[in-house]
Amino acid sequence: HRVVDLALVTMHLRQRLLLARTGWATVVDPEGRDEMERTVIRAIGPQG
């Protein structure tokens, strides 16, 4: 879970993912830069 948290924050800081204060994650850039980021994008689902 620490690995996933790191990936989430990394993508948020680099504006590839939006982490809203409401507790939702929104995909901004669907092209992950590494396999961990692509795993997070797949976990978010096709709705983005």
ModelCIF file with pLDDT and N, C-alpha, C, O atoms, coordinates in Angstrom:
data_MODEL
#
_entry.id   MODEL 
#
_entity.id                         1 
_entity.type                       polymer 
_entity.pdbx_number_of_molecules   1 
#
_entity_poly.entity_id                      1 
_entity_poly.type                           'polypeptide(L)' 
_entity_poly.nstd_linkage                   no 
_entity_poly.nstd_monomer                   no 
_entity_poly.pdbx_seq_one_letter_code       HRVVDLALVTMHLRQRLLLARTGWATVVDPEGRDEMERTVIRAIGPQG 
_entity_poly.pdbx_seq_one_letter_code_can   HRVVDLALVTMHLRQRLLLARTGWATVVDPEGRDEMERTVIRAIGPQG 
_entity_poly.pdbx_strand_id                 A 
#
loop_
_entity_poly_seq.entity_id 
_entity_poly_seq.num 
_entity_poly_seq.mon_id 
_entity_poly_seq.hetero 
1 1  HIS n 
1 2  ARG n 
1 3  VAL n 
1 4  VAL n 
1 5  ASP n 
1 6  LEU n 
1 7  ALA n 
1 8  LEU n 
1 9  VAL n 
1 10 THR n 
1 11 MET n 
1 12 HIS n 
1 13 LEU n 
1 14 ARG n 
1 15 GLN n 
1 16 ARG n 
1 17 LEU n 
1 18 LEU n 
1 19 LEU n 
1 20 ALA n 
1 21 ARG n 
1 22 THR n 
1 23 GLY n 
1 24 TRP n 
1 25 ALA n 
1 26 THR n 
1 27 VAL n 
1 28 VAL n 
1 29 ASP n 
1 30 PRO n 
1 31 GLU n 
1 32 GLY n 
1 33 ARG n 
1 34 ASP n 
1 35 GLU n 
1 36 MET n 
1 37 GLU n 
1 38 ARG n 
1 39 THR n 
1 40 VAL n 
1 41 ILE n 
1 42 ARG n 
1 43 ALA n 
1 44 ILE n 
1 45 GLY n 
1 46 PRO n 
1 47 GLN n 
1 48 GLY n 
#
_struct_asym.id          A 
_struct_asym.entity_id   1 
#
loop_
_ma_qa_metric.id 
_ma_qa_metric.mode 
_ma_qa_metric.name 
_ma_qa_metric.software_group_id 
_ma_qa_metric.type 
1 global pLDDT . pLDDT 
2 local  pLDDT . pLDDT 
#
_ma_qa_metric_global.metric_id      1 
_ma_qa_metric_global.metric_value   92.75 
_ma_qa_metric_global.model_id       1 
_ma_qa_metric_global.ordinal_id     1 
#
loop_
_ma_qa_metric_local.label_asym_id 
_ma_qa_metric_local.label_comp_id 
_ma_qa_metric_local.label_seq_id 
_ma_qa_metric_local.metric_id 
_ma_qa_metric_local.metric_value 
_ma_qa_metric_local.model_id 
_ma_qa_metric_local.ordinal_id 
A HIS 1  2 93.00 1 1  
A ARG 2  2 94.00 1 2  
A VAL 3  2 95.00 1 3  
A VAL 4  2 95.00 1 4  
A ASP 5  2 94.00 1 5  
A LEU 6  2 95.00 1 6  
A ALA 7  2 95.00 1 7  
A LEU 8  2 95.00 1 8  
A VAL 9  2 94.00 1 9  
A THR 10 2 93.00 1 10 
A MET 11 2 94.00 1 11 
A HIS 12 2 93.00 1 12 
A LEU 13 2 91.00 1 13 
A ARG 14 2 90.00 1 14 
A GLN 15 2 91.00 1 15 
A ARG 16 2 92.00 1 16 
A LEU 17 2 93.00 1 17 
A LEU 18 2 94.00 1 18 
A LEU 19 2 94.00 1 19 
A ALA 20 2 93.00 1 20 
A ARG 21 2 90.00 1 21 
A THR 22 2 91.00 1 22 
A GLY 23 2 91.00 1 23 
A TRP 24 2 94.00 1 24 
A ALA 25 2 94.00 1 25 
A THR 26 2 95.00 1 26 
A VAL 27 2 94.00 1 27 
A VAL 28 2 93.00 1 28 
A ASP 29 2 90.00 1 29 
A PRO 30 2 90.00 1 30 
A GLU 31 2 87.00 1 31 
A GLY 32 2 85.00 1 32 
A ARG 33 2 88.00 1 33 
A ASP 34 2 91.00 1 34 
A GLU 35 2 94.00 1 35 
A MET 36 2 95.00 1 36 
A GLU 37 2 94.00 1 37 
A ARG 38 2 94.00 1 38 
A THR 39 2 95.00 1 39 
A VAL 40 2 95.00 1 40 
A ILE 41 2 95.00 1 41 
A ARG 42 2 95.00 1 42 
A ALA 43 2 95.00 1 43 
A ILE 44 2 95.00 1 44 
A GLY 45 2 92.00 1 45 
A PRO 46 2 91.00 1 46 
A GLN 47 2 91.00 1 47 
A GLY 48 2 90.00 1 48 
#
loop_
_atom_site.group_PDB 
_atom_site.id 
_atom_site.type_symbol 
_atom_site.label_atom_id 
_atom_site.label_alt_id 
_atom_site.label_comp_id 
_atom_site.label_asym_id 
_atom_site.label_entity_id 
_atom_site.label_seq_id 
_atom_site.pdbx_PDB_ins_code 
_atom_site.Cartn_x 
_atom_site.Cartn_y 
_atom_site.Cartn_z 
_atom_site.occupancy 
_atom_site.B_iso_or_equiv 
_atom_site.pdbx_formal_charge 
_atom_site.auth_seq_id 
_atom_site.auth_comp_id 
_atom_site.auth_asym_id 
_atom_site.auth_atom_id 
_atom_site.pdbx_PDB_model_num 
ATOM 1   N N  . HIS A 1 1  ? 0.818   -1.213 0.000   1.00 93.00 ? 1  HIS A N  1 
ATOM 2   C CA . HIS A 1 1  ? 0.000   0.000  0.000   1.00 93.00 ? 1  HIS A CA 1 
ATOM 3   C C  . HIS A 1 1  ? 0.854   1.266  0.000   1.00 93.00 ? 1  HIS A C  1 
ATOM 4   O O  . HIS A 1 1  ? 0.451   2.286  -0.559  1.00 93.00 ? 1  HIS A O  1 
ATOM 5   N N  . ARG A 1 2  ? 2.033   1.205  0.625   1.00 94.00 ? 2  ARG A N  1 
ATOM 6   C CA . ARG A 1 2  ? 2.940   2.356  0.599   1.00 94.00 ? 2  ARG A CA 1 
ATOM 7   C C  . ARG A 1 2  ? 3.422   2.605  -0.829  1.00 94.00 ? 2  ARG A C  1 
ATOM 8   O O  . ARG A 1 2  ? 3.569   3.754  -1.244  1.00 94.00 ? 2  ARG A O  1 
ATOM 9   N N  . VAL A 1 3  ? 3.667   1.535  -1.577  1.00 95.00 ? 3  VAL A N  1 
ATOM 10  C CA . VAL A 1 3  ? 4.092   1.678  -2.972  1.00 95.00 ? 3  VAL A CA 1 
ATOM 11  C C  . VAL A 1 3  ? 3.006   2.376  -3.782  1.00 95.00 ? 3  VAL A C  1 
ATOM 12  O O  . VAL A 1 3  ? 3.298   3.273  -4.572  1.00 95.00 ? 3  VAL A O  1 
ATOM 13  N N  . VAL A 1 4  ? 1.758   1.969  -3.589  1.00 95.00 ? 4  VAL A N  1 
ATOM 14  C CA . VAL A 1 4  ? 0.650   2.580  -4.335  1.00 95.00 ? 4  VAL A CA 1 
ATOM 15  C C  . VAL A 1 4  ? 0.481   4.037  -3.938  1.00 95.00 ? 4  VAL A C  1 
ATOM 16  O O  . VAL A 1 4  ? 0.254   4.884  -4.802  1.00 95.00 ? 4  VAL A O  1 
ATOM 17  N N  . ASP A 1 5  ? 0.586   4.345  -2.662  1.00 94.00 ? 5  ASP A N  1 
ATOM 18  C CA . ASP A 1 5  ? 0.482   5.744  -2.217  1.00 94.00 ? 5  ASP A CA 1 
ATOM 19  C C  . ASP A 1 5  ? 1.561   6.600  -2.868  1.00 94.00 ? 5  ASP A C  1 
ATOM 20  O O  . ASP A 1 5  ? 1.306   7.730  -3.284  1.00 94.00 ? 5  ASP A O  1 
ATOM 21  N N  . LEU A 1 6  ? 2.770   6.048  -2.952  1.00 95.00 ? 6  LEU A N  1 
ATOM 22  C CA . LEU A 1 6  ? 3.858   6.782  -3.595  1.00 95.00 ? 6  LEU A CA 1 
ATOM 23  C C  . LEU A 1 6  ? 3.549   7.029  -5.060  1.00 95.00 ? 6  LEU A C  1 
ATOM 24  O O  . LEU A 1 6  ? 3.785   8.127  -5.565  1.00 95.00 ? 6  LEU A O  1 
ATOM 25  N N  . ALA A 1 7  ? 3.021   6.022  -5.752  1.00 95.00 ? 7  ALA A N  1 
ATOM 26  C CA . ALA A 1 7  ? 2.674   6.187  -7.164  1.00 95.00 ? 7  ALA A CA 1 
ATOM 27  C C  . ALA A 1 7  ? 1.566   7.224  -7.333  1.00 95.00 ? 7  ALA A C  1 
ATOM 28  O O  . ALA A 1 7  ? 1.623   8.051  -8.243  1.00 95.00 ? 7  ALA A O  1 
ATOM 29  N N  . LEU A 1 8  ? 0.567   7.185  -6.467  1.00 95.00 ? 8  LEU A N  1 
ATOM 30  C CA . LEU A 1 8  ? -0.534  8.151  -6.550  1.00 95.00 ? 8  LEU A CA 1 
ATOM 31  C C  . LEU A 1 8  ? -0.032  9.582  -6.390  1.00 95.00 ? 8  LEU A C  1 
ATOM 32  O O  . LEU A 1 8  ? -0.394  10.463 -7.170  1.00 95.00 ? 8  LEU A O  1 
ATOM 33  N N  . VAL A 1 9  ? 0.799   9.810  -5.383  1.00 94.00 ? 9  VAL A N  1 
ATOM 34  C CA . VAL A 1 9  ? 1.296   11.172 -5.135  1.00 94.00 ? 9  VAL A CA 1 
ATOM 35  C C  . VAL A 1 9  ? 2.236   11.605 -6.250  1.00 94.00 ? 9  VAL A C  1 
ATOM 36  O O  . VAL A 1 9  ? 2.206   12.760 -6.675  1.00 94.00 ? 9  VAL A O  1 
ATOM 37  N N  . THR A 1 10 ? 3.076   10.683 -6.730  1.00 93.00 ? 10 THR A N  1 
ATOM 38  C CA . THR A 1 10 ? 3.981   11.018 -7.838  1.00 93.00 ? 10 THR A CA 1 
ATOM 39  C C  . THR A 1 10 ? 3.192   11.475 -9.058  1.00 93.00 ? 10 THR A C  1 
ATOM 40  O O  . THR A 1 10 ? 3.523   12.492 -9.668  1.00 93.00 ? 10 THR A O  1 
ATOM 41  N N  . MET A 1 11 ? 2.157   10.731 -9.414  1.00 94.00 ? 11 MET A N  1 
ATOM 42  C CA . MET A 1 11 ? 1.342   11.087 -10.579 1.00 94.00 ? 11 MET A CA 1 
ATOM 43  C C  . MET A 1 11 ? 0.583   12.379 -10.348 1.00 94.00 ? 11 MET A C  1 
ATOM 44  O O  . MET A 1 11 ? 0.392   13.155 -11.284 1.00 94.00 ? 11 MET A O  1 
ATOM 45  N N  . HIS A 1 12 ? 0.149   12.626 -9.128  1.00 93.00 ? 12 HIS A N  1 
ATOM 46  C CA . HIS A 1 12 ? -0.555  13.868 -8.813  1.00 93.00 ? 12 HIS A CA 1 
ATOM 47  C C  . HIS A 1 12 ? 0.370   15.073 -8.938  1.00 93.00 ? 12 HIS A C  1 
ATOM 48  O O  . HIS A 1 12 ? -0.004  16.090 -9.522  1.00 93.00 ? 12 HIS A O  1 
ATOM 49  N N  . LEU A 1 13 ? 1.584   14.958 -8.386  1.00 91.00 ? 13 LEU A N  1 
ATOM 50  C CA . LEU A 1 13 ? 2.524   16.069 -8.431  1.00 91.00 ? 13 LEU A CA 1 
ATOM 51  C C  . LEU A 1 13 ? 2.969   16.380 -9.855  1.00 91.00 ? 13 LEU A C  1 
ATOM 52  O O  . LEU A 1 13 ? 3.282   17.525 -10.177 1.00 91.00 ? 13 LEU A O  1 
ATOM 53  N N  . ARG A 1 14 ? 2.994   15.363 -10.698 1.00 90.00 ? 14 ARG A N  1 
ATOM 54  C CA . ARG A 1 14 ? 3.421   15.559 -12.089 1.00 90.00 ? 14 ARG A CA 1 
ATOM 55  C C  . ARG A 1 14 ? 2.233   15.749 -13.028 1.00 90.00 ? 14 ARG A C  1 
ATOM 56  O O  . ARG A 1 14 ? 2.365   15.677 -14.249 1.00 90.00 ? 14 ARG A O  1 
ATOM 57  N N  . GLN A 1 15 ? 1.072   15.994 -12.426 1.00 91.00 ? 15 GLN A N  1 
ATOM 58  C CA . GLN A 1 15 ? -0.145  16.369 -13.152 1.00 91.00 ? 15 GLN A CA 1 
ATOM 59  C C  . GLN A 1 15 ? -0.595  15.308 -14.150 1.00 91.00 ? 15 GLN A C  1 
ATOM 60  O O  . GLN A 1 15 ? -1.137  15.625 -15.209 1.00 91.00 ? 15 GLN A O  1 
ATOM 61  N N  . ARG A 1 16 ? -0.367  14.059 -13.802 1.00 92.00 ? 16 ARG A N  1 
ATOM 62  C CA . ARG A 1 16 ? -0.888  12.962 -14.607 1.00 92.00 ? 16 ARG A CA 1 
ATOM 63  C C  . ARG A 1 16 ? -2.119  12.330 -13.956 1.00 92.00 ? 16 ARG A C  1 
ATOM 64  O O  . ARG A 1 16 ? -2.792  11.473 -14.529 1.00 92.00 ? 16 ARG A O  1 
ATOM 65  N N  . LEU A 1 17 ? -2.378  12.792 -12.737 1.00 93.00 ? 17 LEU A N  1 
ATOM 66  C CA . LEU A 1 17 ? -3.510  12.288 -11.965 1.00 93.00 ? 17 LEU A CA 1 
ATOM 67  C C  . LEU A 1 17 ? -3.967  13.401 -11.040 1.00 93.00 ? 17 LEU A C  1 
ATOM 68  O O  . LEU A 1 17 ? -3.148  14.141 -10.494 1.00 93.00 ? 17 LEU A O  1 
ATOM 69  N N  . LEU A 1 18 ? -5.278  13.517 -10.866 1.00 94.00 ? 18 LEU A N  1 
ATOM 70  C CA . LEU A 1 18 ? -5.827  14.515 -9.953  1.00 94.00 ? 18 LEU A CA 1 
ATOM 71  C C  . LEU A 1 18 ? -6.390  13.801 -8.737  1.00 94.00 ? 18 LEU A C  1 
ATOM 72  O O  . LEU A 1 18 ? -7.298  12.978 -8.852  1.00 94.00 ? 18 LEU A O  1 
ATOM 73  N N  . LEU A 1 19 ? -5.840  14.123 -7.565  1.00 94.00 ? 19 LEU A N  1 
ATOM 74  C CA . LEU A 1 19 ? -6.352  13.590 -6.305  1.00 94.00 ? 19 LEU A CA 1 
ATOM 75  C C  . LEU A 1 19 ? -7.159  14.699 -5.635  1.00 94.00 ? 19 LEU A C  1 
ATOM 76  O O  . LEU A 1 19 ? -6.597  15.655 -5.101  1.00 94.00 ? 19 LEU A O  1 
ATOM 77  N N  . ALA A 1 20 ? -8.469  14.561 -5.669  1.00 93.00 ? 20 ALA A N  1 
ATOM 78  C CA . ALA A 1 20 ? -9.350  15.590 -5.116  1.00 93.00 ? 20 ALA A CA 1 
ATOM 79  C C  . ALA A 1 20 ? -9.499  15.402 -3.614  1.00 93.00 ? 20 ALA A C  1 
ATOM 80  O O  . ALA A 1 20 ? -9.399  14.283 -3.110  1.00 93.00 ? 20 ALA A O  1 
ATOM 81  N N  . ARG A 1 21 ? -9.740  16.496 -2.899  1.00 90.00 ? 21 ARG A N  1 
ATOM 82  C CA . ARG A 1 21 ? -9.886  16.414 -1.455  1.00 90.00 ? 21 ARG A CA 1 
ATOM 83  C C  . ARG A 1 21 ? -11.121 15.613 -1.056  1.00 90.00 ? 21 ARG A C  1 
ATOM 84  O O  . ARG A 1 21 ? -11.263 15.245 0.110   1.00 90.00 ? 21 ARG A O  1 
ATOM 85  N N  . THR A 1 22 ? -12.011 15.338 -1.998  1.00 91.00 ? 22 THR A N  1 
ATOM 86  C CA . THR A 1 22 ? -13.181 14.507 -1.735  1.00 91.00 ? 22 THR A CA 1 
ATOM 87  C C  . THR A 1 22 ? -12.834 13.019 -1.666  1.00 91.00 ? 22 THR A C  1 
ATOM 88  O O  . THR A 1 22 ? -13.686 12.195 -1.330  1.00 91.00 ? 22 THR A O  1 
ATOM 89  N N  . GLY A 1 23 ? -11.562 12.670 -1.990  1.00 91.00 ? 23 GLY A N  1 
ATOM 90  C CA . GLY A 1 23 ? -11.150 11.277 -1.907  1.00 91.00 ? 23 GLY A CA 1 
ATOM 91  C C  . GLY A 1 23 ? -11.282 10.517 -3.209  1.00 91.00 ? 23 GLY A C  1 
ATOM 92  O O  . GLY A 1 23 ? -11.308 9.287  -3.208  1.00 91.00 ? 23 GLY A O  1 
ATOM 93  N N  . TRP A 1 24 ? -11.368 11.242 -4.337  1.00 94.00 ? 24 TRP A N  1 
ATOM 94  C CA . TRP A 1 24 ? -11.487 10.604 -5.654  1.00 94.00 ? 24 TRP A CA 1 
ATOM 95  C C  . TRP A 1 24 ? -10.210 10.849 -6.448  1.00 94.00 ? 24 TRP A C  1 
ATOM 96  O O  . TRP A 1 24 ? -9.561  11.886 -6.309  1.00 94.00 ? 24 TRP A O  1 
ATOM 97  N N  . ALA A 1 25 ? -9.865  9.876  -7.280  1.00 94.00 ? 25 ALA A N  1 
ATOM 98  C CA . ALA A 1 25 ? -8.734  9.995  -8.191  1.00 94.00 ? 25 ALA A CA 1 
ATOM 99  C C  . ALA A 1 25 ? -9.261  10.070 -9.614  1.00 94.00 ? 25 ALA A C  1 
ATOM 100 O O  . ALA A 1 25 ? -10.105 9.271  -10.017 1.00 94.00 ? 25 ALA A O  1 
ATOM 101 N N  . THR A 1 26 ? -8.753  11.043 -10.375 1.00 95.00 ? 26 THR A N  1 
ATOM 102 C CA . THR A 1 26 ? -9.177  11.232 -11.769 1.00 95.00 ? 26 THR A CA 1 
ATOM 103 C C  . THR A 1 26 ? -7.944  11.204 -12.667 1.00 95.00 ? 26 THR A C  1 
ATOM 104 O O  . THR A 1 26 ? -6.964  11.906 -12.421 1.00 95.00 ? 26 THR A O  1 
ATOM 105 N N  . VAL A 1 27 ? -8.010  10.394 -13.695 1.00 94.00 ? 27 VAL A N  1 
ATOM 106 C CA . VAL A 1 27 ? -6.887  10.278 -14.623 1.00 94.00 ? 27 VAL A CA 1 
ATOM 107 C C  . VAL A 1 27 ? -6.849  11.501 -15.526 1.00 94.00 ? 27 VAL A C  1 
ATOM 108 O O  . VAL A 1 27 ? -7.847  11.847 -16.157 1.00 94.00 ? 27 VAL A O  1 
ATOM 109 N N  . VAL A 1 28 ? -5.690  12.154 -15.586 1.00 93.00 ? 28 VAL A N  1 
ATOM 110 C CA . VAL A 1 28 ? -5.478  13.288 -16.480 1.00 93.00 ? 28 VAL A CA 1 
ATOM 111 C C  . VAL A 1 28 ? -4.717  12.846 -17.713 1.00 93.00 ? 28 VAL A C  1 
ATOM 112 O O  . VAL A 1 28 ? -5.074  13.213 -18.833 1.00 93.00 ? 28 VAL A O  1 
ATOM 113 N N  . ASP A 1 29 ? -3.672  12.063 -17.515 1.00 90.00 ? 29 ASP A N  1 
ATOM 114 C CA . ASP A 1 29 ? -2.865  11.534 -18.613 1.00 90.00 ? 29 ASP A CA 1 
ATOM 115 C C  . ASP A 1 29 ? -2.955  10.009 -18.570 1.00 90.00 ? 29 ASP A C  1 
ATOM 116 O O  . ASP A 1 29 ? -2.395  9.397  -17.661 1.00 90.00 ? 29 ASP A O  1 
ATOM 117 N N  . PRO A 1 30 ? -3.638  9.380  -19.518 1.00 90.00 ? 30 PRO A N  1 
ATOM 118 C CA . PRO A 1 30 ? -3.835  7.926  -19.466 1.00 90.00 ? 30 PRO A CA 1 
ATOM 119 C C  . PRO A 1 30 ? -2.591  7.114  -19.826 1.00 90.00 ? 30 PRO A C  1 
ATOM 120 O O  . PRO A 1 30 ? -2.621  5.885  -19.768 1.00 90.00 ? 30 PRO A O  1 
ATOM 121 N N  . GLU A 1 31 ? -1.517  7.775  -20.192 1.00 87.00 ? 31 GLU A N  1 
ATOM 122 C CA . GLU A 1 31 ? -0.285  7.079  -20.558 1.00 87.00 ? 31 GLU A CA 1 
ATOM 123 C C  . GLU A 1 31 ? 0.660   7.082  -19.355 1.00 87.00 ? 31 GLU A C  1 
ATOM 124 O O  . GLU A 1 31 ? 1.344   8.076  -19.107 1.00 87.00 ? 31 GLU A O  1 
ATOM 125 N N  . GLY A 1 32 ? 0.701   5.997  -18.623 1.00 85.00 ? 32 GLY A N  1 
ATOM 126 C CA . GLY A 1 32 ? 1.598   5.911  -17.484 1.00 85.00 ? 32 GLY A CA 1 
ATOM 127 C C  . GLY A 1 32 ? 3.047   5.876  -17.912 1.00 85.00 ? 32 GLY A C  1 
ATOM 128 O O  . GLY A 1 32 ? 3.379   5.312  -18.954 1.00 85.00 ? 32 GLY A O  1 
ATOM 129 N N  . ARG A 1 33 ? 3.926   6.486  -17.100 1.00 88.00 ? 33 ARG A N  1 
ATOM 130 C CA . ARG A 1 33 ? 5.342   6.553  -17.453 1.00 88.00 ? 33 ARG A CA 1 
ATOM 131 C C  . ARG A 1 33 ? 6.101   5.284  -17.087 1.00 88.00 ? 33 ARG A C  1 
ATOM 132 O O  . ARG A 1 33 ? 7.189   5.046  -17.610 1.00 88.00 ? 33 ARG A O  1 
ATOM 133 N N  . ASP A 1 34 ? 5.549   4.474  -16.207 1.00 91.00 ? 34 ASP A N  1 
ATOM 134 C CA . ASP A 1 34 ? 6.171   3.191  -15.873 1.00 91.00 ? 34 ASP A CA 1 
ATOM 135 C C  . ASP A 1 34 ? 5.063   2.206  -15.549 1.00 91.00 ? 34 ASP A C  1 
ATOM 136 O O  . ASP A 1 34 ? 3.884   2.560  -15.520 1.00 91.00 ? 34 ASP A O  1 
ATOM 137 N N  . GLU A 1 35 ? 5.460   0.967  -15.306 1.00 94.00 ? 35 GLU A N  1 
ATOM 138 C CA . GLU A 1 35 ? 4.461   -0.078 -15.094 1.00 94.00 ? 35 GLU A CA 1 
ATOM 139 C C  . GLU A 1 35 ? 3.644   0.163  -13.833 1.00 94.00 ? 35 GLU A C  1 
ATOM 140 O O  . GLU A 1 35 ? 2.474   -0.214 -13.775 1.00 94.00 ? 35 GLU A O  1 
ATOM 141 N N  . MET A 1 36 ? 4.243   0.784  -12.823 1.00 95.00 ? 36 MET A N  1 
ATOM 142 C CA . MET A 1 36 ? 3.507   1.065  -11.599 1.00 95.00 ? 36 MET A CA 1 
ATOM 143 C C  . MET A 1 36 ? 2.408   2.089  -11.861 1.00 95.00 ? 36 MET A C  1 
ATOM 144 O O  . MET A 1 36 ? 1.292   1.945  -11.362 1.00 95.00 ? 36 MET A O  1 
ATOM 145 N N  . GLU A 1 37 ? 2.715   3.114  -12.635 1.00 94.00 ? 37 GLU A N  1 
ATOM 146 C CA . GLU A 1 37 ? 1.702   4.108  -12.964 1.00 94.00 ? 37 GLU A CA 1 
ATOM 147 C C  . GLU A 1 37 ? 0.603   3.505  -13.819 1.00 94.00 ? 37 GLU A C  1 
ATOM 148 O O  . GLU A 1 37 ? -0.573  3.821  -13.639 1.00 94.00 ? 37 GLU A O  1 
ATOM 149 N N  . ARG A 1 38 ? 0.980   2.635  -14.752 1.00 94.00 ? 38 ARG A N  1 
ATOM 150 C CA . ARG A 1 38 ? -0.041  1.973  -15.571 1.00 94.00 ? 38 ARG A CA 1 
ATOM 151 C C  . ARG A 1 38 ? -0.925  1.062  -14.720 1.00 94.00 ? 38 ARG A C  1 
ATOM 152 O O  . ARG A 1 38 ? -2.111  0.896  -15.004 1.00 94.00 ? 38 ARG A O  1 
ATOM 153 N N  . THR A 1 39 ? -0.341  0.475  -13.677 1.00 95.00 ? 39 THR A N  1 
ATOM 154 C CA . THR A 1 39 ? -1.135  -0.352 -12.766 1.00 95.00 ? 39 THR A CA 1 
ATOM 155 C C  . THR A 1 39 ? -2.167  0.494  -12.035 1.00 95.00 ? 39 THR A C  1 
ATOM 156 O O  . THR A 1 39 ? -3.314  0.078  -11.873 1.00 95.00 ? 39 THR A O  1 
ATOM 157 N N  . VAL A 1 40 ? -1.763  1.671  -11.596 1.00 95.00 ? 40 VAL A N  1 
ATOM 158 C CA . VAL A 1 40 ? -2.700  2.578  -10.915 1.00 95.00 ? 40 VAL A CA 1 
ATOM 159 C C  . VAL A 1 40 ? -3.817  2.996  -11.854 1.00 95.00 ? 40 VAL A C  1 
ATOM 160 O O  . VAL A 1 40 ? -4.982  3.032  -11.457 1.00 95.00 ? 40 VAL A O  1 
ATOM 161 N N  . ILE A 1 41 ? -3.471  3.313  -13.102 1.00 95.00 ? 41 ILE A N  1 
ATOM 162 C CA . ILE A 1 41 ? -4.480  3.729  -14.079 1.00 95.00 ? 41 ILE A CA 1 
ATOM 163 C C  . ILE A 1 41 ? -5.480  2.599  -14.336 1.00 95.00 ? 41 ILE A C  1 
ATOM 164 O O  . ILE A 1 41 ? -6.684  2.832  -14.437 1.00 95.00 ? 41 ILE A O  1 
ATOM 165 N N  . ARG A 1 42 ? -4.960  1.366  -14.440 1.00 95.00 ? 42 ARG A N  1 
ATOM 166 C CA . ARG A 1 42 ? -5.862  0.222  -14.628 1.00 95.00 ? 42 ARG A CA 1 
ATOM 167 C C  . ARG A 1 42 ? -6.759  0.025  -13.404 1.00 95.00 ? 42 ARG A C  1 
ATOM 168 O O  . ARG A 1 42 ? -7.925  -0.346 -13.536 1.00 95.00 ? 42 ARG A O  1 
ATOM 169 N N  . ALA A 1 43 ? -6.207  0.276  -12.213 1.00 95.00 ? 43 ALA A N  1 
ATOM 170 C CA . ALA A 1 43 ? -7.000  0.118  -10.999 1.00 95.00 ? 43 ALA A CA 1 
ATOM 171 C C  . ALA A 1 43 ? -8.110  1.164  -10.913 1.00 95.00 ? 43 ALA A C  1 
ATOM 172 O O  . ALA A 1 43 ? -9.168  0.903  -10.342 1.00 95.00 ? 43 ALA A O  1 
ATOM 173 N N  . ILE A 1 44 ? -7.872  2.335  -11.474 1.00 95.00 ? 44 ILE A N  1 
ATOM 174 C CA . ILE A 1 44 ? -8.909  3.379  -11.475 1.00 95.00 ? 44 ILE A CA 1 
ATOM 175 C C  . ILE A 1 44 ? -10.068 2.967  -12.375 1.00 95.00 ? 44 ILE A C  1 
ATOM 176 O O  . ILE A 1 44 ? -11.227 3.270  -12.091 1.00 95.00 ? 44 ILE A O  1 
ATOM 177 N N  . GLY A 1 45 ? -9.746  2.278  -13.456 1.00 92.00 ? 45 GLY A N  1 
ATOM 178 C CA . GLY A 1 45 ? -10.802 1.747  -14.301 1.00 92.00 ? 45 GLY A CA 1 
ATOM 179 C C  . GLY A 1 45 ? -11.025 2.538  -15.570 1.00 92.00 ? 45 GLY A C  1 
ATOM 180 O O  . GLY A 1 45 ? -10.465 3.621  -15.735 1.00 92.00 ? 45 GLY A O  1 
ATOM 181 N N  . PRO A 1 46 ? -11.844 2.006  -16.477 1.00 91.00 ? 46 PRO A N  1 
ATOM 182 C CA . PRO A 1 46 ? -12.055 2.647  -17.788 1.00 91.00 ? 46 PRO A CA 1 
ATOM 183 C C  . PRO A 1 46 ? -12.786 3.983  -17.708 1.00 91.00 ? 46 PRO A C  1 
ATOM 184 O O  . PRO A 1 46 ? -12.721 4.787  -18.638 1.00 91.00 ? 46 PRO A O  1 
ATOM 185 N N  . GLN A 1 47 ? -13.486 4.222  -16.587 1.00 91.00 ? 47 GLN A N  1 
ATOM 186 C CA . GLN A 1 47 ? -14.181 5.498  -16.439 1.00 91.00 ? 47 GLN A CA 1 
ATOM 187 C C  . GLN A 1 47 ? -13.220 6.654  -16.210 1.00 91.00 ? 47 GLN A C  1 
ATOM 188 O O  . GLN A 1 47 ? -13.576 7.816  -16.405 1.00 91.00 ? 47 GLN A O  1 
ATOM 189 N N  . GLY A 1 48 ? -11.999 6.328  -15.795 1.00 90.00 ? 48 GLY A N  1 
ATOM 190 C CA . GLY A 1 48 ? -10.997 7.368  -15.544 1.00 90.00 ? 48 GLY A CA 1 
ATOM 191 C C  . GLY A 1 48 ? -11.179 8.068  -14.223 1.00 90.00 ? 48 GLY A C  1 
ATOM 192 O O  . GLY A 1 48 ? -10.405 8.964  -13.887 1.00 90.00 ? 48 GLY A O  1 
#
